[in-house]
């Protein structure tokens, strides 16, 4: 399974990644980071949808996204 991890510390909620994700795996979290921005997160359960294309990472102006392609998701 592939998935993305958005670092809430760096995300400013610009939604560029949300707009380009072909499988709609990203969404606003509903929480704010220490800078007061509503940050984006990978939707729970979207692992089977994510292709690992990394377009979200490429468009992120804050380099806040890491893409794991064909990796096992570890729960916290």
PDB file of N, CA and C in Angstrom:
ATOM      1  N   UNK A   1       0.838  -1.185   0.000  1.00  0.00           N
ATOM      2  CA  UNK A   1       0.000   0.000   0.000  1.00  0.00           C
ATOM      3  C   UNK A   1       0.878   1.241   0.000  1.00  0.00           C
ATOM      4  N   UNK A   2       0.398   2.254  -0.645  1.00  0.00           N
ATOM      5  CA  UNK A   2       1.095   3.536  -0.665  1.00  0.00           C
ATOM      6  C   UNK A   2       0.318   4.530   0.176  1.00  0.00           C
ATOM      7  N   UNK A   3       1.012   5.499   0.720  1.00  0.00           N
ATOM      8  CA  UNK A   3       0.352   6.537   1.505  1.00  0.00           C
ATOM      9  C   UNK A   3       1.257   7.752   1.639  1.00  0.00           C
ATOM     10  N   UNK A   4       0.656   8.865   2.032  1.00  0.00           N
ATOM     11  CA  UNK A   4       1.392  10.106   2.239  1.00  0.00           C
ATOM     12  C   UNK A   4       1.318  10.497   3.702  1.00  0.00           C
ATOM     13  N   UNK A   5       2.362  11.151   4.162  1.00  0.00           N
ATOM     14  CA  UNK A   5       2.369  11.704   5.516  1.00  0.00           C
ATOM     15  C   UNK A   5       2.607  13.196   5.373  1.00  0.00           C
ATOM     16  N   UNK A   6       1.696  13.982   5.925  1.00  0.00           N
ATOM     17  CA  UNK A   6       1.831  15.436   5.895  1.00  0.00           C
ATOM     18  C   UNK A   6       2.343  15.874   7.266  1.00  0.00           C
ATOM     19  N   UNK A   7       3.432  16.606   7.281  1.00  0.00           N
ATOM     20  CA  UNK A   7       3.968  17.117   8.534  1.00  0.00           C
ATOM     21  C   UNK A   7       3.179  18.368   8.904  1.00  0.00           C
ATOM     22  N   UNK A   8       2.341  18.284   9.946  1.00  0.00           N
ATOM     23  CA  UNK A   8       1.493  19.421  10.304  1.00  0.00           C
ATOM     24  C   UNK A   8       2.286  20.664  10.717  1.00  0.00           C
ATOM     25  N   UNK A   9       3.510  20.469  11.148  1.00  0.00           N
ATOM     26  CA  UNK A   9       4.350  21.602  11.551  1.00  0.00           C
ATOM     27  C   UNK A   9       4.633  22.536  10.377  1.00  0.00           C
ATOM     28  N   UNK A  10       4.744  21.972   9.175  1.00  0.00           N
ATOM     29  CA  UNK A  10       5.092  22.760   7.996  1.00  0.00           C
ATOM     30  C   UNK A  10       3.915  23.092   7.084  1.00  0.00           C
ATOM     31  N   UNK A  11       2.829  22.350   7.179  1.00  0.00           N
ATOM     32  CA  UNK A  11       1.684  22.549   6.287  1.00  0.00           C
ATOM     33  C   UNK A  11       0.937  23.836   6.629  1.00  0.00           C
ATOM     34  N   UNK A  12       0.623  24.620   5.602  1.00  0.00           N
ATOM     35  CA  UNK A  12      -0.131  25.863   5.781  1.00  0.00           C
ATOM     36  C   UNK A  12      -1.550  25.744   5.238  1.00  0.00           C
ATOM     37  N   UNK A  13      -1.947  24.541   4.862  1.00  0.00           N
ATOM     38  CA  UNK A  13      -3.314  24.317   4.400  1.00  0.00           C
ATOM     39  C   UNK A  13      -3.648  25.009   3.095  1.00  0.00           C
ATOM     40  N   UNK A  14      -2.703  25.092   2.178  1.00  0.00           N
ATOM     41  CA  UNK A  14      -2.950  25.780   0.903  1.00  0.00           C
ATOM     42  C   UNK A  14      -3.857  24.970  -0.026  1.00  0.00           C
ATOM     43  N   UNK A  15      -3.994  23.674   0.243  1.00  0.00           N
ATOM     44  CA  UNK A  15      -4.865  22.748  -0.485  1.00  0.00           C
ATOM     45  C   UNK A  15      -4.391  22.402  -1.902  1.00  0.00           C
ATOM     46  N   UNK A  16      -3.181  22.779  -2.263  1.00  0.00           N
ATOM     47  CA  UNK A  16      -2.677  22.398  -3.587  1.00  0.00           C
ATOM     48  C   UNK A  16      -2.624  20.877  -3.720  1.00  0.00           C
ATOM     49  N   UNK A  17      -2.164  20.209  -2.684  1.00  0.00           N
ATOM     50  CA  UNK A  17      -2.065  18.749  -2.721  1.00  0.00           C
ATOM     51  C   UNK A  17      -3.446  18.104  -2.827  1.00  0.00           C
ATOM     52  N   UNK A  18      -4.411  18.655  -2.127  1.00  0.00           N
ATOM     53  CA  UNK A  18      -5.769  18.124  -2.165  1.00  0.00           C
ATOM     54  C   UNK A  18      -6.329  18.224  -3.580  1.00  0.00           C
ATOM     55  N   UNK A  19      -6.056  19.330  -4.242  1.00  0.00           N
ATOM     56  CA  UNK A  19      -6.573  19.561  -5.579  1.00  0.00           C
ATOM     57  C   UNK A  19      -5.974  18.674  -6.658  1.00  0.00           C
ATOM     58  N   UNK A  20      -4.734  18.217  -6.456  1.00  0.00           N
ATOM     59  CA  UNK A  20      -4.083  17.416  -7.499  1.00  0.00           C
ATOM     60  C   UNK A  20      -4.129  15.913  -7.260  1.00  0.00           C
ATOM     61  N   UNK A  21      -4.542  15.493  -6.082  1.00  0.00           N
ATOM     62  CA  UNK A  21      -4.569  14.056  -5.788  1.00  0.00           C
ATOM     63  C   UNK A  21      -5.624  13.379  -6.660  1.00  0.00           C
ATOM     64  N   UNK A  22      -5.202  12.476  -7.551  1.00  0.00           N
ATOM     65  CA  UNK A  22      -6.164  11.849  -8.466  1.00  0.00           C
ATOM     66  C   UNK A  22      -7.158  10.930  -7.763  1.00  0.00           C
ATOM     67  N   UNK A  23      -6.833  10.475  -6.567  1.00  0.00           N
ATOM     68  CA  UNK A  23      -7.700   9.554  -5.832  1.00  0.00           C
ATOM     69  C   UNK A  23      -8.379  10.199  -4.624  1.00  0.00           C
ATOM     70  N   UNK A  24      -8.161  11.511  -4.443  1.00  0.00           N
ATOM     71  CA  UNK A  24      -8.784  12.272  -3.348  1.00  0.00           C
ATOM     72  C   UNK A  24      -8.466  11.672  -1.974  1.00  0.00           C
ATOM     73  N   UNK A  25      -7.187  11.396  -1.747  1.00  0.00           N
ATOM     74  CA  UNK A  25      -6.739  10.778  -0.498  1.00  0.00           C
ATOM     75  C   UNK A  25      -6.390  11.779   0.595  1.00  0.00           C
ATOM     76  N   UNK A  26      -6.383  13.063   0.282  1.00  0.00           N
ATOM     77  CA  UNK A  26      -5.996  14.092   1.241  1.00  0.00           C
ATOM     78  C   UNK A  26      -7.164  15.022   1.537  1.00  0.00           C
ATOM     79  N   UNK A  27      -7.200  15.537   2.773  1.00  0.00           N
ATOM     80  CA  UNK A  27      -8.263  16.468   3.168  1.00  0.00           C
ATOM     81  C   UNK A  27      -7.773  17.307   4.344  1.00  0.00           C
ATOM     82  N   UNK A  28      -8.453  18.418   4.584  1.00  0.00           N
ATOM     83  CA  UNK A  28      -8.126  19.219   5.757  1.00  0.00           C
ATOM     84  C   UNK A  28      -8.407  18.393   7.010  1.00  0.00           C
ATOM     85  N   UNK A  29      -7.572  18.565   8.000  1.00  0.00           N
ATOM     86  CA  UNK A  29      -7.661  17.755   9.216  1.00  0.00           C
ATOM     87  C   UNK A  29      -8.752  18.224  10.178  1.00  0.00           C
ATOM     88  N   UNK A  30      -9.072  19.507  10.124  1.00  0.00           N
ATOM     89  CA  UNK A  30     -10.002  20.053  11.103  1.00  0.00           C
ATOM     90  C   UNK A  30      -9.296  20.495  12.377  1.00  0.00           C
ATOM     91  N   UNK A  31      -7.973  20.353  12.398  1.00  0.00           N
ATOM     92  CA  UNK A  31      -7.147  20.773  13.532  1.00  0.00           C
ATOM     93  C   UNK A  31      -6.186  21.848  13.054  1.00  0.00           C
ATOM     94  N   UNK A  32      -5.645  22.597  13.986  1.00  0.00           N
ATOM     95  CA  UNK A  32      -4.686  23.639  13.624  1.00  0.00           C
ATOM     96  C   UNK A  32      -3.308  23.297  14.181  1.00  0.00           C
ATOM     97  N   UNK A  33      -2.284  23.742  13.460  1.00  0.00           N
ATOM     98  CA  UNK A  33      -0.914  23.539  13.934  1.00  0.00           C
ATOM     99  C   UNK A  33      -0.504  24.711  14.825  1.00  0.00           C
ATOM    100  N   UNK A  34       0.736  24.730  15.269  1.00  0.00           N
ATOM    101  CA  UNK A  34       1.208  25.765  16.195  1.00  0.00           C
ATOM    102  C   UNK A  34       1.203  27.162  15.575  1.00  0.00           C
ATOM    103  N   UNK A  35       1.194  27.236  14.233  1.00  0.00           N
ATOM    104  CA  UNK A  35       1.149  28.529  13.543  1.00  0.00           C
ATOM    105  C   UNK A  35      -0.290  28.983  13.285  1.00  0.00           C
ATOM    106  N   UNK A  36      -1.262  28.147  13.637  1.00  0.00           N
ATOM    107  CA  UNK A  36      -2.659  28.506  13.470  1.00  0.00           C
ATOM    108  C   UNK A  36      -3.279  28.095  12.148  1.00  0.00           C
ATOM    109  N   UNK A  37      -2.572  27.285  11.368  1.00  0.00           N
ATOM    110  CA  UNK A  37      -3.088  26.829  10.076  1.00  0.00           C
ATOM    111  C   UNK A  37      -3.825  25.497  10.221  1.00  0.00           C
ATOM    112  N   UNK A  38      -4.936  25.369   9.531  1.00  0.00           N
ATOM    113  CA  UNK A  38      -5.638  24.089   9.427  1.00  0.00           C
ATOM    114  C   UNK A  38      -4.862  23.274   8.412  1.00  0.00           C
ATOM    115  N   UNK A  39      -4.226  22.222   8.865  1.00  0.00           N
ATOM    116  CA  UNK A  39      -3.330  21.462   7.997  1.00  0.00           C
ATOM    117  C   UNK A  39      -4.041  20.286   7.332  1.00  0.00           C
ATOM    118  N   UNK A  40      -3.414  19.787   6.284  1.00  0.00           N
ATOM    119  CA  UNK A  40      -3.942  18.674   5.504  1.00  0.00           C
ATOM    120  C   UNK A  40      -3.438  17.368   6.115  1.00  0.00           C
ATOM    121  N   UNK A  41      -4.229  16.315   5.986  1.00  0.00           N
ATOM    122  CA  UNK A  41      -3.794  14.996   6.423  1.00  0.00           C
ATOM    123  C   UNK A  41      -4.247  13.942   5.419  1.00  0.00           C
ATOM    124  N   UNK A  42      -3.597  12.800   5.463  1.00  0.00           N
ATOM    125  CA  UNK A  42      -3.976  11.658   4.630  1.00  0.00           C
ATOM    126  C   UNK A  42      -5.215  11.039   5.264  1.00  0.00           C
ATOM    127  N   UNK A  43      -6.233  10.814   4.466  1.00  0.00           N
ATOM    128  CA  UNK A  43      -7.485  10.262   4.991  1.00  0.00           C
ATOM    129  C   UNK A  43      -7.276   8.843   5.498  1.00  0.00           C
ATOM    130  N   UNK A  44      -7.807   8.566   6.659  1.00  0.00           N
ATOM    131  CA  UNK A  44      -7.749   7.208   7.192  1.00  0.00           C
ATOM    132  C   UNK A  44      -8.548   6.283   6.282  1.00  0.00           C
ATOM    133  N   UNK A  45      -7.992   5.136   5.964  1.00  0.00           N
ATOM    134  CA  UNK A  45      -8.654   4.187   5.096  1.00  0.00           C
ATOM    135  C   UNK A  45      -8.405   4.406   3.616  1.00  0.00           C
ATOM    136  N   UNK A  46      -7.644   5.448   3.271  1.00  0.00           N
ATOM    137  CA  UNK A  46      -7.391   5.739   1.852  1.00  0.00           C
ATOM    138  C   UNK A  46      -6.173   4.999   1.310  1.00  0.00           C
ATOM    139  N   UNK A  47      -5.537   4.163   2.136  1.00  0.00           N
ATOM    140  CA  UNK A  47      -4.334   3.455   1.706  1.00  0.00           C
ATOM    141  C   UNK A  47      -4.587   2.601   0.469  1.00  0.00           C
ATOM    142  N   UNK A  48      -5.769   2.031   0.359  1.00  0.00           N
ATOM    143  CA  UNK A  48      -6.056   1.186  -0.799  1.00  0.00           C
ATOM    144  C   UNK A  48      -6.294   2.007  -2.063  1.00  0.00           C
ATOM    145  N   UNK A  49      -6.536   3.308  -1.910  1.00  0.00           N
ATOM    146  CA  UNK A  49      -6.763   4.182  -3.055  1.00  0.00           C
ATOM    147  C   UNK A  49      -5.481   4.843  -3.561  1.00  0.00           C
ATOM    148  N   UNK A  50      -4.566   5.168  -2.668  1.00  0.00           N
ATOM    149  CA  UNK A  50      -3.348   5.894  -3.027  1.00  0.00           C
ATOM    150  C   UNK A  50      -2.468   5.062  -3.952  1.00  0.00           C
ATOM    151  N   UNK A  51      -2.026   5.693  -5.037  1.00  0.00           N
ATOM    152  CA  UNK A  51      -1.163   5.011  -6.004  1.00  0.00           C
ATOM    153  C   UNK A  51       0.317   5.301  -5.765  1.00  0.00           C
ATOM    154  N   UNK A  52       0.613   6.230  -4.868  1.00  0.00           N
ATOM    155  CA  UNK A  52       1.998   6.607  -4.625  1.00  0.00           C
ATOM    156  C   UNK A  52       2.582   7.474  -5.717  1.00  0.00           C
ATOM    157  N   UNK A  53       1.732   8.160  -6.464  1.00  0.00           N
ATOM    158  CA  UNK A  53       2.189   8.965  -7.607  1.00  0.00           C
ATOM    159  C   UNK A  53       3.066  10.148  -7.186  1.00  0.00           C
ATOM    160  N   UNK A  54       2.939  10.605  -5.952  1.00  0.00           N
ATOM    161  CA  UNK A  54       3.747  11.685  -5.367  1.00  0.00           C
ATOM    162  C   UNK A  54       3.492  13.054  -5.973  1.00  0.00           C
ATOM    163  N   UNK A  55       2.408  13.235  -6.683  1.00  0.00           N
ATOM    164  CA  UNK A  55       2.080  14.557  -7.219  1.00  0.00           C
ATOM    165  C   UNK A  55       1.839  15.529  -6.065  1.00  0.00           C
ATOM    166  N   UNK A  56       1.247  15.052  -4.979  1.00  0.00           N
ATOM    167  CA  UNK A  56       1.011  15.904  -3.809  1.00  0.00           C
ATOM    168  C   UNK A  56       2.330  16.470  -3.281  1.00  0.00           C
ATOM    169  N   UNK A  57       3.335  15.628  -3.210  1.00  0.00           N
ATOM    170  CA  UNK A  57       4.651  16.061  -2.729  1.00  0.00           C
ATOM    171  C   UNK A  57       5.275  17.078  -3.672  1.00  0.00           C
ATOM    172  N   UNK A  58       5.097  16.878  -4.959  1.00  0.00           N
ATOM    173  CA  UNK A  58       5.693  17.774  -5.949  1.00  0.00           C
ATOM    174  C   UNK A  58       5.097  19.177  -5.919  1.00  0.00           C
ATOM    175  N   UNK A  59       3.798  19.298  -5.622  1.00  0.00           N
ATOM    176  CA  UNK A  59       3.163  20.617  -5.639  1.00  0.00           C
ATOM    177  C   UNK A  59       3.214  21.329  -4.298  1.00  0.00           C
ATOM    178  N   UNK A  60       3.659  20.660  -3.253  1.00  0.00           N
ATOM    179  CA  UNK A  60       3.682  21.271  -1.914  1.00  0.00           C
ATOM    180  C   UNK A  60       4.774  22.338  -1.823  1.00  0.00           C
ATOM    181  N   UNK A  61       4.391  23.609  -1.644  1.00  0.00           N
ATOM    182  CA  UNK A  61       5.394  24.676  -1.583  1.00  0.00           C
ATOM    183  C   UNK A  61       6.188  24.681  -0.284  1.00  0.00           C
ATOM    184  N   UNK A  62       5.714  23.943   0.705  1.00  0.00           N
ATOM    185  CA  UNK A  62       6.376  23.940   2.014  1.00  0.00           C
ATOM    186  C   UNK A  62       7.120  22.647   2.313  1.00  0.00           C
ATOM    187  N   UNK A  63       7.218  21.778   1.334  1.00  0.00           N
ATOM    188  CA  UNK A  63       7.916  20.497   1.462  1.00  0.00           C
ATOM    189  C   UNK A  63       7.444  19.768   2.735  1.00  0.00           C
ATOM    190  N   UNK A  64       6.140  19.696   2.892  1.00  0.00           N
ATOM    191  CA  UNK A  64       5.544  19.118   4.092  1.00  0.00           C
ATOM    192  C   UNK A  64       5.066  17.684   3.902  1.00  0.00           C
ATOM    193  N   UNK A  65       5.245  17.118   2.707  1.00  0.00           N
ATOM    194  CA  UNK A  65       4.678  15.805   2.414  1.00  0.00           C
ATOM    195  C   UNK A  65       5.763  14.788   2.073  1.00  0.00           C
ATOM    196  N   UNK A  66       5.644  13.628   2.684  1.00  0.00           N
ATOM    197  CA  UNK A  66       6.493  12.492   2.367  1.00  0.00           C
ATOM    198  C   UNK A  66       5.586  11.397   1.831  1.00  0.00           C
ATOM    199  N   UNK A  67       5.968  10.773   0.732  1.00  0.00           N
ATOM    200  CA  UNK A  67       5.164   9.710   0.125  1.00  0.00           C
ATOM    201  C   UNK A  67       5.891   8.383   0.322  1.00  0.00           C
ATOM    202  N   UNK A  68       5.153   7.408   0.813  1.00  0.00           N
ATOM    203  CA  UNK A  68       5.672   6.053   0.985  1.00  0.00           C
ATOM    204  C   UNK A  68       4.969   5.172  -0.028  1.00  0.00           C
ATOM    205  N   UNK A  69       5.702   4.651  -0.963  1.00  0.00           N
ATOM    206  CA  UNK A  69       5.129   3.831  -2.020  1.00  0.00           C
ATOM    207  C   UNK A  69       5.308   2.356  -1.669  1.00  0.00           C
ATOM    208  N   UNK A  70       4.197   1.645  -1.726  1.00  0.00           N
ATOM    209  CA  UNK A  70       4.186   0.209  -1.433  1.00  0.00           C
ATOM    210  C   UNK A  70       4.794  -0.115  -0.082  1.00  0.00           C
ATOM    211  N   UNK A  71       4.416   0.640   0.940  1.00  0.00           N
ATOM    212  CA  UNK A  71       4.892   0.435   2.301  1.00  0.00           C
ATOM    213  C   UNK A  71       3.738  -0.025   3.182  1.00  0.00           C
ATOM    214  N   UNK A  72       4.051  -0.632   4.289  1.00  0.00           N
ATOM    215  CA  UNK A  72       3.045  -1.031   5.261  1.00  0.00           C
ATOM    216  C   UNK A  72       2.793   0.138   6.201  1.00  0.00           C
ATOM    217  N   UNK A  73       1.529   0.452   6.427  1.00  0.00           N
ATOM    218  CA  UNK A  73       1.164   1.540   7.322  1.00  0.00           C
ATOM    219  C   UNK A  73       1.234   1.019   8.745  1.00  0.00           C
ATOM    220  N   UNK A  74       2.001   1.715   9.574  1.00  0.00           N
ATOM    221  CA  UNK A  74       2.120   1.326  10.979  1.00  0.00           C
ATOM    222  C   UNK A  74       1.216   2.214  11.806  1.00  0.00           C
ATOM    223  N   UNK A  75       0.446   1.618  12.687  1.00  0.00           N
ATOM    224  CA  UNK A  75      -0.436   2.405  13.557  1.00  0.00           C
ATOM    225  C   UNK A  75       0.354   2.892  14.759  1.00  0.00           C
ATOM    226  N   UNK A  76      -0.074   4.018  15.291  1.00  0.00           N
ATOM    227  CA  UNK A  76       0.638   4.649  16.406  1.00  0.00           C
ATOM    228  C   UNK A  76       0.419   3.949  17.716  1.00  0.00           C
TER     229      UNK A  76
END
